[in-house]
Amino acid sequence: SIKISALTRSRPENFSTNMRDIIVLIGPPGAGKGTVAPIIIQKTGVPQLSTGQMLRAAVKAGTTIGKQAQGLMAKGKLVPDEIVARLVKERTEQRDCSRGFILDGFPRTINQAKLLAKILEENNEYVTLAIEIRVPDSVLETRICGRWMHKASGRSYHVTFSPPKSMKLLSNGKPDVKTMKDDKTGEMLYQRKDDTPEALKTRLGVYHKNTAAILKFYNEILKVLDGDQSIKNVQKEAAVLMDDHMTSTFILRNPYNLVDAPKRRSKL
């Protein structure tokens, strides 16, 4: 059976000073996970992982899991939680995750959270921090319906708030699709088919229904960010949150070296 307490308490009995820093990023579509993640990466030096990117990589590489997922997706079926969990386990065993990782978009249900706990428990590990980005639904609609994405990297743009440098507007005020290109690679951007007001309403309903149980599950390690701010202020708040996390983690792993903790924080 899965020991939920081992995942939520701040220091389990089998705590290891070499334990990886495992962070779960929670937020509805358009909340600003792409804004917060770079701050976490900067502070921790661990990679950001999304199940979407992992699935595409597995399919492209032709792995066993990739083939299973591709077969299901080709039939229009959802990839089962068990397969996604195996994919997460496989990806997080790679060298770049040796110090930890950030999970973006997983877990999305309480079942996925329990599967993740079971995977981590195999190595006497647990989620060290869960960050929820809160934004009112009305604000999310404005953000989502003007969003454009870069498929390979996951970078997002917005026609109003953060347009790509190449964007040009048509006479009707809408962006010219041919000019919507990624700033770094010059590759074409795209809009998700479900980035519409109607689809968003359904997506948010599902998100709120599933997330309530996840937030309760991670209650003791949960931190909340106000995502209804300017990008600069969200990033500033995220930096303070991560400084506190890194300091407390340092103290937890070095209980007899508390004097150096403030010095470590000032260098982050």
C-alpha atoms as a PDB file:
ATOM      1  CA  SER A   1       0.000   0.000   0.000  1.00  0.00           C
ATOM      2  CA  ILE A   2       1.074   3.591  -0.617  1.00  0.00           C
ATOM      3  CA  LYS A   3       2.204   5.485   2.462  1.00  0.00           C
ATOM      4  CA  ILE A   4       0.774   8.938   1.860  1.00  0.00           C
ATOM      5  CA  SER A   5       2.358  10.275   5.044  1.00  0.00           C
ATOM      6  CA  ALA A   6       5.820   9.537   3.659  1.00  0.00           C
ATOM      7  CA  LEU A   7       5.094  11.900   0.804  1.00  0.00           C
ATOM      8  CA  THR A   8       3.586  14.793   2.714  1.00  0.00           C
ATOM      9  CA  ARG A   9       5.543  15.077   5.923  1.00  0.00           C
ATOM     10  CA  SER A  10       8.590  17.340   5.908  1.00  0.00           C
ATOM     11  CA  ARG A  11      11.145  14.717   6.881  1.00  0.00           C
ATOM     12  CA  PRO A  12      10.340  11.000   6.663  1.00  0.00           C
ATOM     13  CA  GLU A  13      12.147   8.528   8.889  1.00  0.00           C
ATOM     14  CA  ASN A  14      14.159   7.219   5.931  1.00  0.00           C
ATOM     15  CA  PHE A  15      15.241  10.711   4.858  1.00  0.00           C
ATOM     16  CA  SER A  16      18.575  10.786   3.007  1.00  0.00           C
ATOM     17  CA  THR A  17      20.877  13.801   2.819  1.00  0.00           C
ATOM     18  CA  ASN A  18      21.443  12.880  -0.842  1.00  0.00           C
ATOM     19  CA  MET A  19      17.731  12.889  -1.658  1.00  0.00           C
ATOM     20  CA  ARG A  20      16.720  14.593  -4.883  1.00  0.00           C
ATOM     21  CA  ASP A  21      14.732  17.826  -4.873  1.00  0.00           C
ATOM     22  CA  ILE A  22      11.411  16.853  -6.471  1.00  0.00           C
ATOM     23  CA  ILE A  23       9.033  19.716  -7.168  1.00  0.00           C
ATOM     24  CA  VAL A  24       5.469  19.541  -8.455  1.00  0.00           C
ATOM     25  CA  LEU A  25       4.120  22.600 -10.277  1.00  0.00           C
ATOM     26  CA  ILE A  26       0.325  22.910 -10.126  1.00  0.00           C
ATOM     27  CA  GLY A  27      -1.855  25.397 -11.969  1.00  0.00           C
ATOM     28  CA  PRO A  28      -4.685  25.684 -14.485  1.00  0.00           C
ATOM     29  CA  PRO A  29      -3.996  26.326 -18.173  1.00  0.00           C
ATOM     30  CA  GLY A  30      -2.688  29.864 -18.565  1.00  0.00           C
ATOM     31  CA  ALA A  31      -1.731  30.258 -14.892  1.00  0.00           C
ATOM     32  CA  GLY A  32       1.892  31.043 -15.725  1.00  0.00           C
ATOM     33  CA  LYS A  33       3.769  27.797 -15.141  1.00  0.00           C
ATOM     34  CA  GLY A  34       6.068  28.808 -17.992  1.00  0.00           C
ATOM     35  CA  THR A  35       6.812  32.031 -16.115  1.00  0.00           C
ATOM     36  CA  VAL A  36       7.563  30.352 -12.789  1.00  0.00           C
ATOM     37  CA  ALA A  37       9.473  27.290 -14.008  1.00  0.00           C
ATOM     38  CA  PRO A  38      12.605  29.204 -15.172  1.00  0.00           C
ATOM     39  CA  ILE A  39      12.956  30.695 -11.681  1.00  0.00           C
ATOM     40  CA  ILE A  40      12.801  27.232 -10.114  1.00  0.00           C
ATOM     41  CA  ILE A  41      15.356  25.948 -12.620  1.00  0.00           C
ATOM     42  CA  GLN A  42      17.658  28.872 -11.884  1.00  0.00           C
ATOM     43  CA  LYS A  43      17.476  28.279  -8.141  1.00  0.00           C
ATOM     44  CA  THR A  44      17.752  24.487  -8.131  1.00  0.00           C
ATOM     45  CA  GLY A  45      19.575  23.562 -11.334  1.00  0.00           C
ATOM     46  CA  VAL A  46      17.126  20.719 -12.018  1.00  0.00           C
ATOM     47  CA  PRO A  47      15.209  20.142 -15.284  1.00  0.00           C
ATOM     48  CA  GLN A  48      11.554  20.894 -15.967  1.00  0.00           C
ATOM     49  CA  LEU A  49       9.626  17.871 -17.252  1.00  0.00           C
ATOM     50  CA  SER A  50       6.195  17.776 -18.866  1.00  0.00           C
ATOM     51  CA  THR A  51       4.326  14.595 -19.717  1.00  0.00           C
ATOM     52  CA  GLY A  52       3.491  15.974 -23.160  1.00  0.00           C
ATOM     53  CA  GLN A  53       7.144  16.409 -24.062  1.00  0.00           C
ATOM     54  CA  MET A  54       8.002  13.029 -22.522  1.00  0.00           C
ATOM     55  CA  LEU A  55       5.331  11.284 -24.592  1.00  0.00           C
ATOM     56  CA  ARG A  56       6.469  12.941 -27.822  1.00  0.00           C
ATOM     57  CA  ALA A  57      10.093  12.032 -27.093  1.00  0.00           C
ATOM     58  CA  ALA A  58       9.196   8.412 -26.294  1.00  0.00           C
ATOM     59  CA  VAL A  59       7.142   8.082 -29.485  1.00  0.00           C
ATOM     60  CA  LYS A  60       9.940   9.608 -31.565  1.00  0.00           C
ATOM     61  CA  ALA A  61      12.553   7.317 -29.971  1.00  0.00           C
ATOM     62  CA  GLY A  62      10.368   4.275 -30.548  1.00  0.00           C
ATOM     63  CA  THR A  63      10.637   3.034 -26.970  1.00  0.00           C
ATOM     64  CA  THR A  64       8.303   0.326 -25.675  1.00  0.00           C
ATOM     65  CA  ILE A  65       6.287   2.896 -23.741  1.00  0.00           C
ATOM     66  CA  GLY A  66       6.326   5.223 -26.738  1.00  0.00           C
ATOM     67  CA  LYS A  67       4.888   2.540 -29.005  1.00  0.00           C
ATOM     68  CA  GLN A  68       2.167   1.711 -26.486  1.00  0.00           C
ATOM     69  CA  ALA A  69       1.220   5.366 -26.149  1.00  0.00           C
ATOM     70  CA  GLN A  70       1.306   5.961 -29.897  1.00  0.00           C
ATOM     71  CA  GLY A  71      -1.030   3.026 -30.520  1.00  0.00           C
ATOM     72  CA  LEU A  72      -3.542   4.368 -28.025  1.00  0.00           C
ATOM     73  CA  MET A  73      -3.357   7.955 -29.266  1.00  0.00           C
ATOM     74  CA  ALA A  74      -3.785   6.797 -32.868  1.00  0.00           C
ATOM     75  CA  LYS A  75      -7.110   5.282 -31.824  1.00  0.00           C
ATOM     76  CA  GLY A  76      -8.137   8.520 -30.093  1.00  0.00           C
ATOM     77  CA  LYS A  77      -7.781   7.007 -26.631  1.00  0.00           C
ATOM     78  CA  LEU A  78      -6.256   8.552 -23.531  1.00  0.00           C
ATOM     79  CA  VAL A  79      -2.945   7.172 -22.330  1.00  0.00           C
ATOM     80  CA  PRO A  80      -3.636   5.314 -19.014  1.00  0.00           C
ATOM     81  CA  ASP A  81      -2.158   6.701 -15.802  1.00  0.00           C
ATOM     82  CA  GLU A  82      -0.044   3.576 -15.342  1.00  0.00           C
ATOM     83  CA  ILE A  83       1.724   4.116 -18.686  1.00  0.00           C
ATOM     84  CA  VAL A  84       2.270   7.816 -17.973  1.00  0.00           C
ATOM     85  CA  ALA A  85       3.672   6.926 -14.544  1.00  0.00           C
ATOM     86  CA  ARG A  86       6.091   4.430 -16.108  1.00  0.00           C
ATOM     87  CA  LEU A  87       7.135   7.127 -18.559  1.00  0.00           C
ATOM     88  CA  VAL A  88       7.824   9.527 -15.691  1.00  0.00           C
ATOM     89  CA  LYS A  89       9.835   6.857 -13.870  1.00  0.00           C
ATOM     90  CA  GLU A  90      11.892   6.112 -16.985  1.00  0.00           C
ATOM     91  CA  ARG A  91      12.586   9.787 -17.706  1.00  0.00           C
ATOM     92  CA  THR A  92      13.512  10.704 -14.137  1.00  0.00           C
ATOM     93  CA  GLU A  93      16.115   7.944 -14.021  1.00  0.00           C
ATOM     94  CA  GLN A  94      18.209   9.793 -16.606  1.00  0.00           C
ATOM     95  CA  ARG A  95      21.403  11.540 -15.586  1.00  0.00           C
ATOM     96  CA  ASP A  96      20.094  15.112 -15.775  1.00  0.00           C
ATOM     97  CA  CYS A  97      17.609  14.264 -13.008  1.00  0.00           C
ATOM     98  CA  SER A  98      20.291  13.104 -10.577  1.00  0.00           C
ATOM     99  CA  ARG A  99      19.765  16.177  -8.368  1.00  0.00           C
ATOM    100  CA  GLY A 100      16.028  16.342  -8.834  1.00  0.00           C
ATOM    101  CA  PHE A 101      13.379  17.529 -11.277  1.00  0.00           C
ATOM    102  CA  ILE A 102      10.291  19.691 -11.728  1.00  0.00           C
ATOM    103  CA  LEU A 103       7.066  18.012 -12.816  1.00  0.00           C
ATOM    104  CA  ASP A 104       4.863  20.319 -14.883  1.00  0.00           C
ATOM    105  CA  GLY A 105       1.379  18.941 -15.580  1.00  0.00           C
ATOM    106  CA  PHE A 106       1.799  15.766 -13.556  1.00  0.00           C
ATOM    107  CA  PRO A 107       0.124  14.629 -11.409  1.00  0.00           C
ATOM    108  CA  ARG A 108      -3.258  15.891 -12.621  1.00  0.00           C
ATOM    109  CA  THR A 109      -5.414  13.483 -10.626  1.00  0.00           C
ATOM    110  CA  ILE A 110      -5.243  11.942  -7.168  1.00  0.00           C
ATOM    111  CA  ASN A 111      -4.593   8.553  -8.760  1.00  0.00           C
ATOM    112  CA  GLN A 112      -1.566   9.963 -10.566  1.00  0.00           C
ATOM    113  CA  ALA A 113      -0.345  11.546  -7.316  1.00  0.00           C
ATOM    114  CA  LYS A 114      -0.510   8.165  -5.585  1.00  0.00           C
ATOM    115  CA  LEU A 115       1.273   6.458  -8.486  1.00  0.00           C
ATOM    116  CA  LEU A 116       4.027   9.071  -8.285  1.00  0.00           C
ATOM    117  CA  ALA A 117       4.321   8.500  -4.530  1.00  0.00           C
ATOM    118  CA  LYS A 118       4.699   4.768  -5.144  1.00  0.00           C
ATOM    119  CA  ILE A 119       7.419   5.318  -7.758  1.00  0.00           C
ATOM    120  CA  LEU A 120       9.384   7.648  -5.492  1.00  0.00           C
ATOM    121  CA  GLU A 121       8.963   5.405  -2.478  1.00  0.00           C
ATOM    122  CA  GLU A 122      10.957   2.697  -4.293  1.00  0.00           C
ATOM    123  CA  ASN A 123      14.037   4.920  -3.822  1.00  0.00           C
ATOM    124  CA  ASN A 124      13.023   6.243  -0.394  1.00  0.00           C
ATOM    125  CA  GLU A 125      12.140   9.573  -2.010  1.00  0.00           C
ATOM    126  CA  TYR A 126       9.162  11.894  -1.851  1.00  0.00           C
ATOM    127  CA  VAL A 127       7.933  15.175  -3.327  1.00  0.00           C
ATOM    128  CA  THR A 128       9.812  17.944  -1.517  1.00  0.00           C
ATOM    129  CA  LEU A 129       7.693  20.902  -2.637  1.00  0.00           C
ATOM    130  CA  ALA A 130       4.342  21.481  -4.357  1.00  0.00           C
ATOM    131  CA  ILE A 131       3.671  24.936  -5.807  1.00  0.00           C
ATOM    132  CA  GLU A 132       0.157  26.001  -6.751  1.00  0.00           C
ATOM    133  CA  ILE A 133      -0.257  29.052  -9.000  1.00  0.00           C
ATOM    134  CA  ARG A 134      -3.673  30.616  -8.384  1.00  0.00           C
ATOM    135  CA  VAL A 135      -5.404  32.790 -10.988  1.00  0.00           C
ATOM    136  CA  PRO A 136      -9.128  33.690 -11.291  1.00  0.00           C
ATOM    137  CA  ASP A 137     -10.943  31.883 -14.118  1.00  0.00           C
ATOM    138  CA  SER A 138     -11.974  35.198 -15.707  1.00  0.00           C
ATOM    139  CA  VAL A 139      -8.315  36.212 -16.053  1.00  0.00           C
ATOM    140  CA  LEU A 140      -7.396  32.848 -17.519  1.00  0.00           C
ATOM    141  CA  GLU A 141      -9.817  33.269 -20.428  1.00  0.00           C
ATOM    142  CA  THR A 142      -8.084  36.480 -21.501  1.00  0.00           C
ATOM    143  CA  ARG A 143      -4.687  34.808 -21.277  1.00  0.00           C
ATOM    144  CA  ILE A 144      -5.552  31.535 -22.974  1.00  0.00           C
ATOM    145  CA  CYS A 145      -7.435  32.781 -25.998  1.00  0.00           C
ATOM    146  CA  GLY A 146      -4.494  34.901 -27.152  1.00  0.00           C
ATOM    147  CA  ARG A 147      -1.841  32.269 -26.489  1.00  0.00           C
ATOM    148  CA  TRP A 148       0.505  30.833 -29.112  1.00  0.00           C
ATOM    149  CA  MET A 149       2.906  27.960 -28.438  1.00  0.00           C
ATOM    150  CA  HIS A 150       6.254  26.682 -29.712  1.00  0.00           C
ATOM    151  CA  LYS A 151       5.816  22.936 -29.966  1.00  0.00           C
ATOM    152  CA  ALA A 152       9.394  21.739 -29.455  1.00  0.00           C
ATOM    153  CA  SER A 153      10.262  23.830 -26.386  1.00  0.00           C
ATOM    154  CA  GLY A 154       6.874  24.592 -24.878  1.00  0.00           C
ATOM    155  CA  ARG A 155       7.609  28.341 -24.940  1.00  0.00           C
ATOM    156  CA  SER A 156       4.438  30.396 -24.959  1.00  0.00           C
ATOM    157  CA  TYR A 157       3.601  33.812 -26.363  1.00  0.00           C
ATOM    158  CA  HIS A 158       0.561  36.064 -26.154  1.00  0.00           C
ATOM    159  CA  VAL A 159      -0.669  38.449 -28.841  1.00  0.00           C
ATOM    160  CA  THR A 160      -1.240  41.167 -26.211  1.00  0.00           C
ATOM    161  CA  PHE A 161       1.061  40.509 -23.258  1.00  0.00           C
ATOM    162  CA  SER A 162       4.157  38.912 -24.814  1.00  0.00           C
ATOM    163  CA  PRO A 163       3.968  38.716 -28.628  1.00  0.00           C
ATOM    164  CA  PRO A 164       6.776  37.161 -30.677  1.00  0.00           C
ATOM    165  CA  LYS A 165       9.115  39.725 -32.220  1.00  0.00           C
ATOM    166  CA  SER A 166       8.053  38.651 -35.709  1.00  0.00           C
ATOM    167  CA  MET A 167       4.310  39.214 -35.184  1.00  0.00           C
ATOM    168  CA  LYS A 168       2.450  41.475 -37.586  1.00  0.00           C
ATOM    169  CA  LEU A 169      -1.226  42.384 -37.398  1.00  0.00           C
ATOM    170  CA  LEU A 170      -3.779  42.193 -40.177  1.00  0.00           C
ATOM    171  CA  SER A 171      -6.191  45.018 -40.939  1.00  0.00           C
ATOM    172  CA  ASN A 172      -8.784  43.407 -38.624  1.00  0.00           C
ATOM    173  CA  GLY A 173      -6.372  43.599 -35.682  1.00  0.00           C
ATOM    174  CA  LYS A 174      -5.728  39.863 -35.567  1.00  0.00           C
ATOM    175  CA  PRO A 175      -2.196  38.452 -35.909  1.00  0.00           C
ATOM    176  CA  ASP A 176      -0.980  37.304 -39.310  1.00  0.00           C
ATOM    177  CA  VAL A 177      -0.491  33.543 -38.824  1.00  0.00           C
ATOM    178  CA  LYS A 178       2.492  33.517 -41.221  1.00  0.00           C
ATOM    179  CA  THR A 179       4.383  35.930 -38.947  1.00  0.00           C
ATOM    180  CA  MET A 180       3.888  33.987 -35.711  1.00  0.00           C
ATOM    181  CA  LYS A 181       7.386  32.551 -35.198  1.00  0.00           C
ATOM    182  CA  ASP A 182       9.449  31.525 -32.185  1.00  0.00           C
ATOM    183  CA  ASP A 183      11.950  34.212 -31.142  1.00  0.00           C
ATOM    184  CA  LYS A 184      14.801  31.757 -30.592  1.00  0.00           C
ATOM    185  CA  THR A 185      14.440  29.276 -33.448  1.00  0.00           C
ATOM    186  CA  GLY A 186      12.314  31.092 -36.023  1.00  0.00           C
ATOM    187  CA  GLU A 187      10.042  28.040 -36.171  1.00  0.00           C
ATOM    188  CA  MET A 188       6.299  28.464 -36.623  1.00  0.00           C
ATOM    189  CA  LEU A 189       4.081  28.809 -33.564  1.00  0.00           C
ATOM    190  CA  TYR A 190       0.667  27.219 -33.198  1.00  0.00           C
ATOM    191  CA  GLN A 191      -2.554  27.658 -31.244  1.00  0.00           C
ATOM    192  CA  ARG A 192      -4.061  24.747 -29.375  1.00  0.00           C
ATOM    193  CA  LYS A 193      -7.470  23.696 -30.642  1.00  0.00           C
ATOM    194  CA  ASP A 194      -8.851  23.832 -27.121  1.00  0.00           C
ATOM    195  CA  ASP A 195      -7.657  27.389 -26.458  1.00  0.00           C
ATOM    196  CA  THR A 196     -11.173  28.737 -26.959  1.00  0.00           C
ATOM    197  CA  PRO A 197     -13.642  30.176 -24.383  1.00  0.00           C
ATOM    198  CA  GLU A 198     -15.954  27.177 -24.725  1.00  0.00           C
ATOM    199  CA  ALA A 199     -13.225  24.562 -24.399  1.00  0.00           C
ATOM    200  CA  LEU A 200     -11.536  26.472 -21.586  1.00  0.00           C
ATOM    201  CA  LYS A 201     -14.691  26.420 -19.474  1.00  0.00           C
ATOM    202  CA  THR A 202     -14.760  22.617 -19.697  1.00  0.00           C
ATOM    203  CA  ARG A 203     -11.041  22.311 -19.029  1.00  0.00           C
ATOM    204  CA  LEU A 204     -11.232  24.517 -15.953  1.00  0.00           C
ATOM    205  CA  GLY A 205     -14.171  22.523 -14.610  1.00  0.00           C
ATOM    206  CA  VAL A 206     -12.140  19.322 -14.862  1.00  0.00           C
ATOM    207  CA  TYR A 207      -9.060  21.038 -13.404  1.00  0.00           C
ATOM    208  CA  HIS A 208     -10.860  22.346 -10.310  1.00  0.00           C
ATOM    209  CA  LYS A 209     -12.591  19.011  -9.729  1.00  0.00           C
ATOM    210  CA  ASN A 210      -9.355  17.003  -9.878  1.00  0.00           C
ATOM    211  CA  THR A 211      -7.051  19.520  -8.229  1.00  0.00           C
ATOM    212  CA  ALA A 212      -8.939  19.835  -4.941  1.00  0.00           C
ATOM    213  CA  ALA A 213      -7.895  16.311  -3.928  1.00  0.00           C
ATOM    214  CA  ILE A 214      -4.296  16.867  -5.102  1.00  0.00           C
ATOM    215  CA  LEU A 215      -3.929  20.040  -3.045  1.00  0.00           C
ATOM    216  CA  LYS A 216      -5.192  18.194   0.015  1.00  0.00           C
ATOM    217  CA  PHE A 217      -2.768  15.345  -0.730  1.00  0.00           C
ATOM    218  CA  TYR A 218       0.213  17.744  -0.794  1.00  0.00           C
ATOM    219  CA  ASN A 219      -1.115  20.008   1.947  1.00  0.00           C
ATOM    220  CA  GLU A 220       1.930  19.875   4.245  1.00  0.00           C
ATOM    221  CA  ILE A 221       4.422  20.761   1.508  1.00  0.00           C
ATOM    222  CA  LEU A 222       2.165  23.105  -0.489  1.00  0.00           C
ATOM    223  CA  LYS A 223       3.091  26.716  -1.240  1.00  0.00           C
ATOM    224  CA  VAL A 224       0.769  29.097  -3.093  1.00  0.00           C
ATOM    225  CA  LEU A 225       1.799  31.755  -5.622  1.00  0.00           C
ATOM    226  CA  ASP A 226      -0.482  34.603  -6.670  1.00  0.00           C
ATOM    227  CA  GLY A 227      -0.454  34.317 -10.456  1.00  0.00           C
ATOM    228  CA  ASP A 228      -2.747  37.313 -10.962  1.00  0.00           C
ATOM    229  CA  GLN A 229       0.140  39.781 -11.068  1.00  0.00           C
ATOM    230  CA  SER A 230       2.584  41.162 -13.575  1.00  0.00           C
ATOM    231  CA  ILE A 231       5.174  38.689 -14.864  1.00  0.00           C
ATOM    232  CA  LYS A 232       7.878  40.597 -12.981  1.00  0.00           C
ATOM    233  CA  ASN A 233       6.020  40.373  -9.669  1.00  0.00           C
ATOM    234  CA  VAL A 234       5.159  36.682 -10.146  1.00  0.00           C
ATOM    235  CA  GLN A 235       8.813  35.907 -10.813  1.00  0.00           C
ATOM    236  CA  LYS A 236       9.891  37.962  -7.801  1.00  0.00           C
ATOM    237  CA  GLU A 237       7.457  36.106  -5.534  1.00  0.00           C
ATOM    238  CA  ALA A 238       8.603  32.787  -6.994  1.00  0.00           C
ATOM    239  CA  ALA A 239      12.242  33.691  -6.320  1.00  0.00           C
ATOM    240  CA  VAL A 240      11.486  34.459  -2.644  1.00  0.00           C
ATOM    241  CA  LEU A 241       9.537  31.213  -2.304  1.00  0.00           C
ATOM    242  CA  MET A 242      12.411  29.214  -3.780  1.00  0.00           C
ATOM    243  CA  ASP A 243      14.979  30.985  -1.610  1.00  0.00           C
ATOM    244  CA  ASP A 244      12.993  29.910   1.449  1.00  0.00           C
ATOM    245  CA  HIS A 245      12.715  26.366   0.102  1.00  0.00           C
ATOM    246  CA  MET A 246      16.432  26.103  -0.665  1.00  0.00           C
ATOM    247  CA  THR A 247      17.347  27.458   2.767  1.00  0.00           C
ATOM    248  CA  SER A 248      15.036  25.058   4.607  1.00  0.00           C
ATOM    249  CA  THR A 249      16.281  22.167   2.470  1.00  0.00           C
ATOM    250  CA  PHE A 250      19.869  23.094   3.284  1.00  0.00           C
ATOM    251  CA  ILE A 251      19.099  23.172   7.019  1.00  0.00           C
ATOM    252  CA  LEU A 252      17.243  19.859   6.795  1.00  0.00           C
ATOM    253  CA  ARG A 253      20.211  18.179   5.144  1.00  0.00           C
ATOM    254  CA  ASN A 254      22.817  19.975   7.252  1.00  0.00           C
ATOM    255  CA  PRO A 255      21.269  20.240  10.756  1.00  0.00           C
ATOM    256  CA  TYR A 256      24.654  20.915  12.373  1.00  0.00           C
ATOM    257  CA  ASN A 257      25.632  23.692   9.971  1.00  0.00           C
ATOM    258  CA  LEU A 258      22.850  26.228  10.526  1.00  0.00           C
ATOM    259  CA  VAL A 259      25.251  29.185  10.598  1.00  0.00           C
ATOM    260  CA  ASP A 260      26.013  28.809   6.889  1.00  0.00           C
ATOM    261  CA  ALA A 261      22.363  28.639   5.817  1.00  0.00           C
ATOM    262  CA  PRO A 262      21.853  32.448   5.483  1.00  0.00           C
ATOM    263  CA  LYS A 263      25.128  32.681   3.533  1.00  0.00           C
ATOM    264  CA  ARG A 264      23.932  29.973   1.138  1.00  0.00           C
ATOM    265  CA  ARG A 265      20.622  31.767   0.632  1.00  0.00           C
ATOM    266  CA  SER A 266      22.348  35.086  -0.196  1.00  0.00           C
ATOM    267  CA  LYS A 267      24.313  33.411  -2.984  1.00  0.00           C
ATOM    268  CA  LEU A 268      21.254  31.882  -4.710  1.00  0.00           C
END
